[in-house]
N, C-alpha and C. Protein backbone atom coordinates (compact mmCIF):
# COMPACT_ATOMS: atom_id res chain seq x y z
N CYS A 1 0.80 -1.20 -0.02
CA CYS A 1 -0.11 0.08 -0.20
C CYS A 1 1.00 1.16 -0.37
N VAL A 2 0.01 2.41 -0.21
CA VAL A 2 1.10 3.81 -0.35
C VAL A 2 0.39 4.43 0.57
N CYS A 3 1.61 4.90 1.62
CA CYS A 3 1.12 5.56 2.83
C CYS A 3 0.80 7.20 2.38
N HIS A 4 0.66 7.74 3.46
CA HIS A 4 -0.07 8.95 2.79
C HIS A 4 1.09 10.13 2.52
N VAL A 5 2.32 10.02 3.51
CA VAL A 5 3.38 10.80 3.32
C VAL A 5 3.91 10.47 2.01
N CYS A 6 3.96 9.28 1.24
CA CYS A 6 4.13 9.38 -0.09
C CYS A 6 3.70 9.81 -1.02
N LEU A 7 2.29 9.71 -1.01
CA LEU A 7 1.35 10.53 -1.88
C LEU A 7 1.31 11.99 -1.61
N THR A 8 1.88 12.41 -0.89
CA THR A 8 2.05 14.20 -0.63
C THR A 8 3.42 14.65 -1.21
N LEU A 9 4.24 13.78 -1.08
CA LEU A 9 5.65 14.02 -1.45
C LEU A 9 5.72 14.49 -3.45
N PRO A 10 6.29 15.47 -3.41
CA PRO A 10 6.58 15.40 -5.25
C PRO A 10 7.38 14.51 -5.26
N ASN A 11 7.57 14.63 -6.83
CA ASN A 11 8.38 13.30 -7.54
C ASN A 11 9.65 13.91 -7.55
N ILE A 12 10.42 13.42 -6.80
CA ILE A 12 11.98 13.89 -6.51
C ILE A 12 13.15 13.00 -6.73
N ASN A 13 13.74 13.32 -7.54
CA ASN A 13 15.01 12.06 -7.98
C ASN A 13 15.51 12.39 -6.96
N ILE A 14 16.42 11.63 -5.96
CA ILE A 14 17.08 11.66 -4.99
C ILE A 14 18.48 11.66 -5.67
N ILE A 15 18.80 10.85 -6.19
CA ILE A 15 20.22 10.64 -7.13
C ILE A 15 20.34 11.95 -7.43
N ALA A 16 19.50 12.42 -8.55
CA ALA A 16 19.83 13.49 -9.64
C ALA A 16 20.20 14.88 -8.38
N GLU A 17 19.60 14.77 -7.35
CA GLU A 17 19.56 15.89 -6.21
C GLU A 17 20.69 16.02 -5.62
N MET A 18 21.09 14.67 -4.94
CA MET A 18 22.70 14.81 -4.64
C MET A 18 23.77 15.09 -5.65
N LYS A 19 23.82 14.84 -6.64
CA LYS A 19 24.81 15.29 -7.81
C LYS A 19 24.65 16.68 -7.79
N LYS A 20 23.46 17.21 -7.63
CA LYS A 20 23.05 18.83 -7.94
C LYS A 20 24.06 19.24 -6.73
N LEU A 21 23.99 18.76 -5.71
CA LEU A 21 24.76 19.37 -4.10
C LEU A 21 25.96 19.31 -4.23
N GLN A 22 26.54 17.93 -4.74
CA GLN A 22 27.80 17.51 -5.00
C GLN A 22 28.52 18.60 -6.00
N ASP A 23 27.77 18.97 -7.32
CA ASP A 23 28.51 20.04 -8.11
C ASP A 23 28.68 21.44 -7.61
N LEU A 24 27.39 21.67 -6.83
CA LEU A 24 27.36 23.00 -6.14
C LEU A 24 28.75 23.32 -4.99
N GLU A 25 29.03 22.05 -4.38
CA GLU A 25 30.20 21.94 -3.43
C GLU A 25 31.28 22.31 -3.82
N LYS A 26 31.48 21.34 -5.09
CA LYS A 26 32.88 21.61 -5.89
C LYS A 26 32.74 23.08 -6.46
N ARG A 27 31.82 23.36 -7.09
CA ARG A 27 31.87 24.81 -7.61
C ARG A 27 31.99 25.97 -6.43
N LEU A 28 31.56 26.19 -5.36
CA LEU A 28 31.93 27.17 -4.18
C LEU A 28 33.21 26.58 -3.83
N LYS A 29 34.17 25.05 -3.77
CA LYS A 29 35.10 24.67 -3.30
C LYS A 29 36.17 25.90 -4.24
N ASN A 30 36.05 25.63 -5.56
CA ASN A 30 36.94 26.41 -6.72
C ASN A 30 36.53 27.96 -6.62
N VAL A 31 35.51 28.36 -5.97
CA VAL A 31 34.99 29.74 -5.85
C VAL A 31 36.17 30.00 -4.59
N GLU A 32 36.29 29.19 -3.58
CA GLU A 32 37.00 29.73 -2.44
C GLU A 32 38.22 29.36 -2.78
N GLU A 33 39.03 28.55 -3.46
CA GLU A 33 40.54 28.67 -4.11
C GLU A 33 40.44 29.84 -4.83
N MET A 34 39.73 30.27 -5.87
CA MET A 34 39.86 31.20 -6.47
C MET A 34 40.18 32.62 -5.80
N LEU A 35 39.34 32.64 -4.79
CA LEU A 35 39.27 33.96 -3.81
C LEU A 35 40.75 33.85 -3.34
N GLU A 36 41.04 32.42 -2.66
CA GLU A 36 42.22 32.70 -1.79
C GLU A 36 43.71 32.76 -2.59
N GLU A 37 43.57 32.51 -4.10
CA GLU A 37 44.32 33.15 -5.23
C GLU A 37 44.65 34.33 -5.15
N MET A 38 43.58 34.94 -5.28
CA MET A 38 43.29 36.47 -5.67
C MET A 38 43.92 37.20 -4.67
N LYS A 39 43.62 36.60 -3.21
CA LYS A 39 44.33 37.02 -2.22
C LYS A 39 45.78 37.22 -2.19
N LYS A 40 46.06 36.06 -2.46
CA LYS A 40 47.60 35.90 -1.98
C LYS A 40 48.24 36.68 -3.65
N GLU A 41 47.59 36.94 -4.57
CA GLU A 41 48.14 37.95 -5.43
C GLU A 41 47.98 39.15 -5.54
N LYS A 42 46.98 39.47 -4.73
CA LYS A 42 47.01 40.78 -3.86
C LYS A 42 47.99 41.04 -2.94
N GLU A 43 48.02 40.41 -1.84
CA GLU A 43 49.34 40.47 -1.10
C GLU A 43 50.63 40.50 -1.70
N ALA A 44 51.01 39.93 -2.88
CA ALA A 44 52.37 39.90 -3.50
C ALA A 44 52.47 41.18 -4.16
N LEU A 45 51.11 41.87 -4.95
CA LEU A 45 51.68 43.02 -5.32
C LEU A 45 51.51 44.03 -4.54
N LEU A 46 51.25 44.18 -3.37
CA LEU A 46 51.42 45.00 -2.11
C LEU A 46 52.67 44.99 -2.03
N SER A 47 53.25 43.57 -1.91
CA SER A 47 54.44 43.60 -1.57
C SER A 47 55.78 43.92 -2.16
N PHE A 48 55.20 43.82 -3.66
CA PHE A 48 55.95 44.31 -4.82
C PHE A 48 55.76 45.55 -4.80
N HIS A 49 54.72 46.15 -4.37
CA HIS A 49 54.72 47.59 -4.51
C HIS A 49 55.48 48.44 -3.79
N LEU A 50 55.48 47.88 -2.45
CA LEU A 50 56.10 48.19 -1.14
C LEU A 50 57.84 48.43 -1.44
N CYS A 51 58.08 46.99 -1.86
CA CYS A 51 59.59 46.88 -2.17
C CYS A 51 59.61 47.82 -3.53
N THR A 52 59.19 47.96 -4.44
CA THR A 52 59.27 48.95 -5.62
C THR A 52 59.37 50.47 -5.18
N SER A 53 58.67 50.73 -4.33
CA SER A 53 58.51 52.06 -3.73
C SER A 53 59.79 52.02 -2.92
N THR A 54 59.80 51.28 -1.92
CA THR A 54 61.25 51.61 -1.09
C THR A 54 62.50 51.65 -1.82
N CYS A 55 62.54 50.95 -2.97
CA CYS A 55 63.72 50.81 -3.72
C CYS A 55 64.09 52.45 -4.25
N MET A 56 62.97 52.60 -5.18
CA MET A 56 62.73 53.86 -5.58
C MET A 56 63.31 54.73 -4.59
N TYR A 57 62.50 54.92 -3.59
CA TYR A 57 63.04 55.95 -2.17
C TYR A 57 64.69 56.06 -2.29
N VAL A 58 65.04 54.87 -1.66
CA VAL A 58 66.63 54.67 -1.80
C VAL A 58 67.78 55.14 -2.63
N CYS A 59 66.73 54.84 -4.05
CA CYS A 59 67.74 55.37 -5.17
C CYS A 59 67.62 56.87 -5.18
N ILE A 60 66.47 57.53 -4.95
CA ILE A 60 66.43 58.91 -5.05
C ILE A 60 67.35 59.79 -4.05
N CYS A 61 67.27 58.65 -2.95
CA CYS A 61 68.03 59.66 -1.44
C CYS A 61 69.73 59.30 -1.98
N ILE A 62 69.90 58.24 -2.77
CA ILE A 62 71.18 57.95 -3.13
C ILE A 62 71.77 59.22 -4.04
N TYR A 63 70.95 59.14 -5.09
CA TYR A 63 70.99 60.10 -6.10
C TYR A 63 71.40 61.62 -5.54
N MET A 64 70.03 62.16 -4.69
CA MET A 64 70.70 63.36 -4.13
C MET A 64 71.82 63.58 -3.34
N TYR A 65 71.86 62.70 -2.34
CA TYR A 65 73.35 62.74 -1.62
C TYR A 65 74.65 62.88 -2.90
N VAL A 66 74.60 62.02 -3.81
CA VAL A 66 75.76 62.13 -4.55
C VAL A 66 76.14 62.95 -5.61
N TYR A 67 74.94 63.50 -5.97
CA TYR A 67 75.05 64.18 -7.28
C TYR A 67 74.26 65.96 -6.83
N MET A 68 73.34 65.72 -5.87
CA MET A 68 72.75 67.01 -5.48
C MET A 68 73.55 67.72 -4.40
N PHE A 69 74.00 66.72 -3.85
CA PHE A 69 74.48 67.30 -2.39
C PHE A 69 76.46 67.01 -2.32
N PRO A 70 77.16 67.24 -3.21
CA PRO A 70 78.32 66.78 -3.46
C PRO A 70 78.82 67.19 -2.14
N GLU A 71 78.68 68.41 -1.62
CA GLU A 71 79.41 69.14 -0.41
C GLU A 71 79.14 67.84 1.01
N LYS A 72 78.29 67.03 0.92
CA LYS A 72 78.42 66.51 2.51
C LYS A 72 79.09 65.10 2.08
N LYS A 73 79.81 64.95 1.13
CA LYS A 73 81.21 64.02 1.07
C LYS A 73 82.24 64.66 1.30
N VAL A 74 82.69 64.70 2.88
CA VAL A 74 83.87 65.36 3.45
C VAL A 74 84.85 64.24 3.98
N ALA A 75 85.80 64.15 3.65
CA ALA A 75 87.13 63.18 4.20
C ALA A 75 88.32 63.67 3.67
N PHE A 76 89.54 63.41 4.58
CA PHE A 76 91.03 63.85 3.70
C PHE A 76 91.63 63.11 4.65
N SER A 77 93.13 62.76 4.23
CA SER A 77 94.12 62.18 4.71
C SER A 77 95.19 62.41 4.18
N ALA A 78 96.59 62.53 4.95
CA ALA A 78 97.54 62.94 4.66
C ALA A 78 98.67 62.84 5.35
N SER A 79 99.76 62.62 5.04
CA SER A 79 101.03 62.32 5.63
C SER A 79 102.08 63.87 5.43
N LEU A 80 102.91 63.85 6.35
CA LEU A 80 103.70 64.76 6.46
C LEU A 80 104.60 65.56 5.24
N LEU A 81 105.54 64.79 4.77
CA LEU A 81 106.54 64.71 3.92
C LEU A 81 106.02 64.40 2.83
N ALA A 82 106.14 65.19 1.38
CA ALA A 82 105.95 64.55 0.23
C ALA A 82 106.89 63.59 -0.13
N SER A 83 108.16 63.70 0.13
CA SER A 83 108.96 62.55 -0.35
C SER A 83 110.27 62.69 0.59
N GLY A 84 110.99 61.70 0.50
CA GLY A 84 112.12 61.52 1.21
C GLY A 84 111.82 61.32 3.10
N GLU A 85 112.89 61.88 3.80
CA GLU A 85 112.92 61.77 4.87
C GLU A 85 113.60 62.90 6.04
N GLY A 86 113.03 63.36 7.22
CA GLY A 86 113.37 64.21 8.22
C GLY A 86 112.62 64.58 9.21
N TYR A 87 113.11 65.62 10.05
CA TYR A 87 112.59 66.23 10.95
C TYR A 87 112.10 67.68 10.46
N THR A 88 110.40 67.71 11.20
CA THR A 88 110.17 69.11 11.28
C THR A 88 110.55 69.54 12.57
N GLY A 89 111.12 70.92 12.86
CA GLY A 89 111.35 71.17 14.21
C GLY A 89 112.73 71.41 14.39
N PRO A 90 113.36 71.41 15.57
CA PRO A 90 112.23 72.38 16.37
C PRO A 90 112.39 73.85 16.30
N MET A 91 111.18 74.33 16.63
CA MET A 91 111.18 76.03 16.59
C MET A 91 110.77 76.42 17.71
N LYS A 92 110.94 77.96 17.99
CA LYS A 92 110.58 78.64 19.31
C LYS A 92 110.55 80.30 18.70
N PRO A 93 109.28 80.80 18.34
CA PRO A 93 108.12 80.11 18.83
C PRO A 93 107.62 79.12 17.01
N VAL A 94 106.88 78.44 17.32
CA VAL A 94 106.38 77.86 16.41
C VAL A 94 105.28 78.54 15.23
N PRO A 95 105.67 79.06 13.97
CA PRO A 95 105.09 80.04 13.39
C PRO A 95 103.71 79.63 12.93
N THR A 96 103.76 78.28 12.44
CA THR A 96 102.56 77.92 11.45
C THR A 96 102.34 76.55 11.68
N PRO A 97 101.17 75.87 11.41
CA PRO A 97 100.55 74.71 11.72
C PRO A 97 101.52 73.73 10.91
N LEU A 98 101.30 72.43 11.29
CA LEU A 98 102.22 71.69 10.30
C LEU A 98 101.57 71.17 9.23
N ILE A 99 102.14 71.21 7.91
CA ILE A 99 101.90 71.32 6.48
C ILE A 99 101.87 69.97 6.61
N TYR A 100 100.98 69.11 6.12
CA TYR A 100 100.80 67.54 5.49
C TYR A 100 100.77 67.69 4.23
N LYS A 101 101.93 67.32 3.08
CA LYS A 101 102.11 67.64 2.22
C LYS A 101 101.67 66.42 1.20
N LYS A 102 101.84 65.28 1.53
CA LYS A 102 101.23 63.91 0.86
C LYS A 102 100.08 63.64 0.97
N VAL A 103 99.14 63.92 -0.16
CA VAL A 103 97.99 63.87 0.39
C VAL A 103 97.28 62.79 -0.53
N PHE A 104 96.60 61.89 0.80
CA PHE A 104 96.20 60.79 0.10
C PHE A 104 94.76 60.31 -0.54
N SER A 105 93.79 61.51 0.18
CA SER A 105 92.39 61.71 -0.15
C SER A 105 91.66 63.32 0.22
N ASN A 106 91.02 63.73 -0.30
CA ASN A 106 90.75 65.41 0.03
C ASN A 106 89.30 65.24 -0.56
N TYR A 107 87.90 64.44 -0.35
CA TYR A 107 86.96 64.58 -0.52
C TYR A 107 86.56 65.82 -0.04
N GLY A 108 85.73 66.62 -0.93
CA GLY A 108 85.25 67.77 -0.65
C GLY A 108 86.01 69.05 -0.41
N ASN A 109 87.06 68.75 -0.95
CA ASN A 109 88.46 69.82 -0.93
C ASN A 109 88.63 70.72 0.31
N GLY A 110 88.30 70.22 1.40
CA GLY A 110 88.50 70.53 2.74
C GLY A 110 89.71 71.11 3.09
N TYR A 111 90.68 70.14 2.99
CA TYR A 111 92.11 70.51 3.50
C TYR A 111 92.91 71.26 2.23
N ASN A 112 93.79 71.91 3.00
CA ASN A 112 94.70 73.12 2.00
C ASN A 112 95.88 72.23 2.12
N PRO A 113 96.63 71.58 1.22
CA PRO A 113 97.91 70.90 1.56
C PRO A 113 99.20 72.47 1.81
N ASP A 114 98.81 73.44 1.21
CA ASP A 114 99.48 74.75 1.31
C ASP A 114 99.50 75.45 2.83
N THR A 115 98.90 75.01 3.36
CA THR A 115 98.58 75.35 4.82
C THR A 115 98.66 74.56 5.75
N GLY A 116 98.36 73.27 5.70
CA GLY A 116 97.99 72.26 6.65
C GLY A 116 96.66 72.24 7.31
N VAL A 117 95.55 73.49 6.73
CA VAL A 117 94.40 73.56 7.44
C VAL A 117 93.24 73.08 7.08
N PHE A 118 92.37 72.10 7.57
CA PHE A 118 91.14 72.06 7.28
C PHE A 118 89.99 72.98 7.47
N THR A 119 89.71 73.20 6.46
CA THR A 119 88.12 74.37 6.64
C THR A 119 86.80 73.54 6.60
N ALA A 120 85.94 73.37 7.54
CA ALA A 120 84.65 72.65 7.81
C ALA A 120 83.86 73.59 6.19
N PRO A 121 83.65 72.35 5.45
CA PRO A 121 82.76 73.29 3.99
C PRO A 121 81.23 73.24 4.37
N ILE A 122 80.94 72.35 5.56
CA ILE A 122 79.27 72.72 6.10
C ILE A 122 79.41 72.11 7.74
N LYS A 123 78.19 72.75 8.02
CA LYS A 123 78.10 72.42 9.76
C LYS A 123 78.12 70.79 9.64
N GLY A 124 78.44 70.23 10.62
CA GLY A 124 78.60 69.06 11.13
C GLY A 124 79.54 68.63 12.18
N VAL A 125 79.19 67.12 12.46
CA VAL A 125 79.89 66.58 13.38
C VAL A 125 81.11 65.57 12.73
N TYR A 126 82.43 66.16 13.13
CA TYR A 126 84.06 65.74 12.36
C TYR A 126 84.17 64.81 13.50
N PHE A 127 85.04 64.01 12.77
CA PHE A 127 86.02 63.10 13.64
C PHE A 127 87.20 63.58 12.99
N PHE A 128 88.48 63.31 13.72
CA PHE A 128 89.83 63.98 13.69
C PHE A 128 90.84 63.15 14.11
N ARG A 129 91.76 62.63 13.40
CA ARG A 129 92.85 61.73 14.41
C ARG A 129 94.31 62.19 13.65
N PHE A 130 95.38 62.36 14.39
CA PHE A 130 96.63 62.45 14.06
C PHE A 130 97.40 61.63 14.59
N TYR A 131 98.56 61.44 14.08
CA TYR A 131 99.87 60.45 14.58
C TYR A 131 101.13 61.32 14.56
N ALA A 132 101.76 61.05 15.17
CA ALA A 132 103.38 61.79 15.25
C ALA A 132 104.34 60.68 15.62
N HIS A 133 105.61 61.13 14.92
CA HIS A 133 106.63 59.83 15.39
C HIS A 133 107.71 60.97 15.86
N CYS A 134 108.74 60.03 16.38
CA CYS A 134 110.10 60.78 16.84
C CYS A 134 111.10 59.91 16.66
N GLN A 135 112.13 59.80 16.85
CA GLN A 135 113.42 58.99 17.05
C GLN A 135 114.16 59.45 18.14
N GLY A 136 114.86 58.55 18.98
CA GLY A 136 115.32 58.47 19.92
C GLY A 136 115.95 59.63 20.37
N GLY A 137 115.89 60.24 21.91
CA GLY A 137 116.60 61.42 22.04
C GLY A 137 116.19 62.60 21.38
N THR A 138 114.66 62.64 21.16
CA THR A 138 114.07 63.48 20.82
C THR A 138 112.81 63.67 21.49
N THR A 139 112.56 65.20 22.10
CA THR A 139 111.42 65.22 21.76
C THR A 139 109.83 65.81 21.42
N MET A 140 108.95 64.96 21.28
CA MET A 140 107.91 65.25 20.01
C MET A 140 106.46 65.64 21.24
N ALA A 141 105.74 66.71 20.42
CA ALA A 141 104.84 67.06 21.26
C ALA A 141 104.02 67.66 20.06
N VAL A 142 102.59 67.43 19.76
CA VAL A 142 101.68 67.76 18.69
C VAL A 142 100.34 68.27 19.26
N SER A 143 100.09 69.30 18.84
CA SER A 143 98.42 69.38 19.53
C SER A 143 97.40 69.95 18.39
N LEU A 144 96.06 69.33 18.32
CA LEU A 144 95.47 69.85 17.58
C LEU A 144 94.28 70.54 17.93
N TYR A 145 94.07 71.75 16.97
CA TYR A 145 93.63 73.04 17.16
C TYR A 145 92.32 73.23 16.36
N LYS A 146 91.43 73.98 17.21
CA LYS A 146 89.87 74.14 16.70
C LYS A 146 90.09 75.68 16.44
N ASN A 147 90.42 76.35 15.45
CA ASN A 147 90.20 77.86 15.75
C ASN A 147 90.97 78.56 16.41
N ASP A 148 92.34 78.11 16.33
CA ASP A 148 93.59 78.70 17.33
C ASP A 148 92.76 78.30 18.96
N GLU A 149 92.08 77.27 19.26
CA GLU A 149 91.84 76.74 20.51
C GLU A 149 92.42 74.97 20.37
N ARG A 150 93.35 75.12 21.35
CA ARG A 150 93.91 73.53 21.49
C ARG A 150 92.65 72.74 21.98
N GLN A 151 92.75 71.81 21.28
CA GLN A 151 91.35 70.09 21.64
C GLN A 151 91.97 69.26 22.54
N CYS A 152 93.20 68.78 21.71
CA CYS A 152 94.06 67.38 22.51
C CYS A 152 95.37 67.45 21.92
N SER A 153 96.12 66.28 22.36
CA SER A 153 97.67 66.42 22.29
C SER A 153 98.21 65.01 22.09
N VAL A 154 99.67 65.01 21.77
CA VAL A 154 100.35 63.49 22.06
C VAL A 154 101.46 64.18 22.14
N PHE A 155 102.37 63.22 23.09
CA PHE A 155 103.62 63.84 23.68
C PHE A 155 104.77 62.60 23.85
N SER A 156 105.78 62.91 23.45
CA SER A 156 106.61 61.50 23.83
C SER A 156 107.98 62.57 24.31
N TRP A 157 108.30 62.03 25.29
CA TRP A 157 110.11 63.01 26.03
C TRP A 157 111.07 62.13 25.56
N LYS A 158 111.78 62.36 24.60
CA LYS A 158 113.45 61.61 24.38
C LYS A 158 113.06 60.40 24.57
N PRO A 159 112.47 59.49 23.94
CA PRO A 159 112.50 58.27 24.17
C PRO A 159 113.66 57.57 24.07
N ALA A 160 114.15 56.29 24.66
CA ALA A 160 115.49 55.82 24.47
C ALA A 160 115.26 54.94 22.57
N ALA A 161 114.39 54.68 22.39
CA ALA A 161 114.01 54.28 20.66
C ALA A 161 113.20 55.30 20.36
N ASN A 162 112.54 54.70 19.07
CA ASN A 162 111.42 55.60 18.60
C ASN A 162 110.28 55.78 19.09
N GLY A 163 109.69 56.72 19.14
CA GLY A 163 108.46 57.42 19.76
C GLY A 163 107.03 57.32 19.07
N ASN A 164 106.32 57.07 19.34
CA ASN A 164 104.76 57.27 18.53
C ASN A 164 103.76 57.52 19.29
N ALA A 165 102.74 58.17 19.03
CA ALA A 165 101.55 58.81 19.73
C ALA A 165 100.44 59.18 18.65
N THR A 166 99.64 59.09 19.20
CA THR A 166 98.41 59.21 18.34
C THR A 166 97.19 59.73 19.33
N ASN A 167 96.35 60.48 18.71
CA ASN A 167 94.96 60.69 19.55
C ASN A 167 93.68 61.34 18.54
N GLY A 168 92.77 61.71 19.13
CA GLY A 168 91.38 61.68 18.19
C GLY A 168 90.76 62.17 18.86
N THR A 169 89.67 62.71 18.06
CA THR A 169 88.53 63.49 18.92
C THR A 169 87.46 63.87 17.85
N VAL A 170 86.23 64.30 18.44
CA VAL A 170 84.97 63.99 17.55
C VAL A 170 84.54 65.36 18.09
N LEU A 171 84.21 66.75 16.89
CA LEU A 171 84.06 68.11 16.86
C LEU A 171 82.56 68.62 16.64
N THR A 172 82.11 69.10 17.24
CA THR A 172 80.93 69.83 16.33
C THR A 172 81.29 71.29 15.52
N LEU A 173 81.27 71.36 14.27
CA LEU A 173 81.69 72.22 13.83
C LEU A 173 80.92 73.23 12.52
N GLU A 174 81.15 74.45 12.87
CA GLU A 174 79.94 75.23 12.12
C GLU A 174 81.00 75.30 10.59
N LYS A 175 80.33 75.76 9.64
CA LYS A 175 80.84 76.29 8.30
C LYS A 175 82.15 76.93 8.88
N GLY A 176 83.40 76.83 7.83
CA GLY A 176 83.99 77.77 8.13
C GLY A 176 85.42 77.35 9.50
N ASP A 177 84.68 76.61 10.12
CA ASP A 177 85.76 76.36 11.23
C ASP A 177 87.01 75.88 10.43
N ARG A 178 88.20 76.33 11.40
CA ARG A 178 89.60 75.79 10.85
C ARG A 178 90.25 74.49 11.98
N ILE A 179 90.82 73.55 11.47
CA ILE A 179 91.09 72.52 12.09
C ILE A 179 92.67 72.30 11.33
N TYR A 180 93.82 72.10 12.92
CA TYR A 180 95.04 71.95 12.18
C TYR A 180 95.72 71.28 13.36
N THR A 181 97.01 71.25 13.01
CA THR A 181 97.84 70.59 14.13
C THR A 181 99.23 71.29 14.31
N LYS A 182 99.59 71.55 15.61
CA LYS A 182 100.83 72.47 15.64
C LYS A 182 101.77 71.85 16.64
N LEU A 183 103.70 71.70 16.09
CA LEU A 183 103.96 71.69 17.27
C LEU A 183 104.14 72.38 18.54
N TRP A 184 104.55 71.88 19.51
CA TRP A 184 104.97 72.83 20.68
C TRP A 184 106.38 73.13 20.39
N ASP A 185 107.04 74.42 21.22
CA ASP A 185 107.81 75.04 20.83
C ASP A 185 108.77 73.97 21.41
N GLU A 186 110.06 74.00 20.68
CA GLU A 186 111.08 73.29 20.71
C GLU A 186 111.20 71.72 20.70
N THR A 187 109.96 71.35 19.89
CA THR A 187 109.58 70.02 19.61
C THR A 187 110.05 69.46 18.25
N TRP A 188 110.28 67.94 17.91
CA TRP A 188 110.34 67.87 16.51
C TRP A 188 109.32 66.46 16.28
N VAL A 189 109.15 66.36 14.96
CA VAL A 189 108.75 65.20 14.33
C VAL A 189 109.29 64.51 13.12
N PHE A 190 109.31 63.52 13.29
CA PHE A 190 110.03 62.67 12.08
C PHE A 190 108.60 62.20 11.30
N ASP A 191 109.39 62.04 9.79
CA ASP A 191 108.49 61.42 8.79
C ASP A 191 109.05 60.77 7.52
N ASP A 192 109.19 60.05 7.02
CA ASP A 192 109.69 59.60 5.62
C ASP A 192 108.10 58.44 4.75
N THR A 193 109.00 58.21 3.79
CA THR A 193 107.83 57.76 2.99
C THR A 193 106.60 56.81 3.37
N ALA A 194 107.26 55.98 4.65
CA ALA A 194 106.30 55.33 5.23
C ALA A 194 105.15 56.10 5.82
N GLY A 195 105.08 57.15 6.02
CA GLY A 195 103.87 57.79 6.40
C GLY A 195 103.59 58.13 7.97
N TYR A 196 104.72 58.00 8.91
CA TYR A 196 104.37 57.68 10.46
C TYR A 196 103.91 59.15 10.87
N THR A 197 104.06 60.32 10.29
CA THR A 197 103.33 61.45 11.23
C THR A 197 102.08 61.72 9.94
N SER A 198 100.84 61.69 10.25
CA SER A 198 99.75 61.92 9.75
C SER A 198 98.56 62.43 10.31
N PHE A 199 97.63 63.07 9.83
CA PHE A 199 96.32 63.94 9.66
C PHE A 199 95.41 63.36 9.09
N SER A 200 93.93 63.24 9.70
CA SER A 200 93.27 62.80 9.01
C SER A 200 91.82 63.16 9.63
N GLY A 201 91.19 63.30 8.65
CA GLY A 201 89.65 63.70 8.95
C GLY A 201 88.31 63.40 8.61
N PHE A 202 87.28 63.55 8.70
CA PHE A 202 86.09 63.03 7.91
C PHE A 202 84.62 63.36 8.69
N LEU A 203 83.61 63.85 8.05
CA LEU A 203 82.35 64.36 8.45
C LEU A 203 81.55 62.97 8.75
N LEU A 204 81.18 63.19 9.84
CA LEU A 204 80.20 62.14 10.81
C LEU A 204 78.73 61.87 9.97
N PHE A 205 78.47 63.14 10.42
CA PHE A 205 76.94 63.33 9.73
C PHE A 205 76.47 65.02 9.65
N PRO A 206 75.97 65.36 8.91
CA PRO A 206 76.02 67.06 8.75
C PRO A 206 74.72 67.42 9.73
N LEU A 207 74.65 68.60 10.18
CA LEU A 207 73.52 68.92 11.01
C LEU A 207 72.77 70.42 10.32
């Protein structure tokens, strides 16, 4: 016999309906996978855009630093004698700064090999270091000056053998400030082709 429920149900193909549900699930899964791929592509594009923007910013900064602001490249290094060997000094009084004639580098042209004076081309924080050498039996003493004001010194009093000394300092300079080294009265320094007595400095950062 046929029950009342069976008579009231519409004519449904269960297998066909299940197949439709399975197809719908597959399509939904495909849509989800497509959305996930689109999300990954979007993230990749954003990352690429960020990377490209960063690279462009760095390149622009480098270009501006190197080509538009060449005065910010400041560094020099020189030793005392251009050739040969010998002492400088003693003198009393010492009339002029030590003139380092053998220039190894002079970026920004702040150092003048005719006077021995470095003149700051821009305001900034600078680092300076100087070395001095003497042979046995002589007294060596050299000071670093900023605008005729002594900053730091090296000293060696009549060593039995060769004497060497070095000192350095970080200074804040205004544009036009002058930096140089100078002997003390009645002292000597020695130099030869090895460059024992030298003077160097460079800009740490502009202000």
